Amino acid sequence: MQENSIYGKVYILGRLNDGSFIFFNYDSNIDIETSFKNYAAKEYKMKEKNKRKFFHS
């Protein structure tokens, strides 16, 4: 599910029990799969620092 938000273009991965979404920003110049691979690498690094990106609807 693609959404436009204050974060720019994001791709919604899922929704948490508190109503937050898990998402990643993607570059519309590249395909979703490549964008997701880039996201996964960044997300892994962010997890190492205990940071996660969520937003509420």
Protein backbone atom coordinates (compact mmCIF):
# COMPACT_ATOMS: atom_id res chain seq x y z
CA MET A 1 0.00 0.00 0.00
CA GLN A 2 1.55 3.28 -1.08
CA GLU A 3 0.83 6.41 0.91
CA ASN A 4 1.89 10.01 0.74
CA SER A 5 2.67 11.42 4.15
CA ILE A 6 4.75 14.07 5.85
CA TYR A 7 7.63 11.63 5.37
CA GLY A 8 7.29 11.76 1.59
CA LYS A 9 6.42 8.63 -0.34
CA VAL A 10 6.30 5.64 1.95
CA TYR A 11 5.38 2.01 1.55
CA ILE A 12 3.30 0.57 4.39
CA LEU A 13 4.53 -2.81 5.64
CA GLY A 14 2.03 -3.38 8.40
CA ARG A 15 0.17 -1.98 11.36
CA LEU A 16 0.91 -2.45 15.05
CA ASN A 17 -1.63 -2.99 17.82
CA ASP A 18 -1.39 0.65 18.91
CA GLY A 19 -2.41 1.81 15.44
CA SER A 20 1.13 2.77 14.33
CA PHE A 21 2.33 1.81 10.90
CA ILE A 22 5.63 0.18 10.01
CA PHE A 23 6.80 1.80 6.81
CA PHE A 24 9.80 2.64 4.71
CA ASN A 25 10.47 5.61 2.49
CA TYR A 26 11.06 4.71 -1.10
CA ASP A 27 12.53 6.47 -4.06
CA SER A 28 10.06 6.46 -6.93
CA ASN A 29 13.02 6.48 -9.34
CA ILE A 30 13.83 2.89 -8.37
CA ASP A 31 11.57 -0.12 -7.96
CA ILE A 32 10.00 -1.18 -4.66
CA GLU A 33 12.19 -4.28 -4.32
CA THR A 34 15.46 -2.33 -4.59
CA SER A 35 14.07 0.36 -2.33
CA PHE A 36 13.07 -2.26 0.23
CA LYS A 37 16.53 -3.86 0.17
CA ASN A 38 18.02 -0.42 0.86
CA TYR A 39 15.46 0.05 3.65
CA ALA A 40 16.24 -3.36 5.17
CA ALA A 41 19.93 -2.47 5.42
CA LYS A 42 19.10 0.88 7.06
CA GLU A 43 16.50 -0.69 9.35
CA TYR A 44 19.04 -3.24 10.56
CA LYS A 45 21.45 -0.45 11.44
CA MET A 46 18.66 1.48 13.15
CA LYS A 47 17.68 -1.59 15.19
CA GLU A 48 21.25 -1.84 16.38
CA LYS A 49 20.75 1.64 17.84
CA ASN A 50 17.28 0.72 19.13
CA LYS A 51 15.58 3.23 16.87
CA ARG A 52 12.42 2.50 14.92
CA LYS A 53 10.33 4.65 12.65
CA PHE A 54 6.62 4.76 13.31
CA PHE A 55 3.89 7.25 12.71
CA HIS A 56 0.28 7.43 13.80
CA SER A 57 -2.66 7.90 11.53
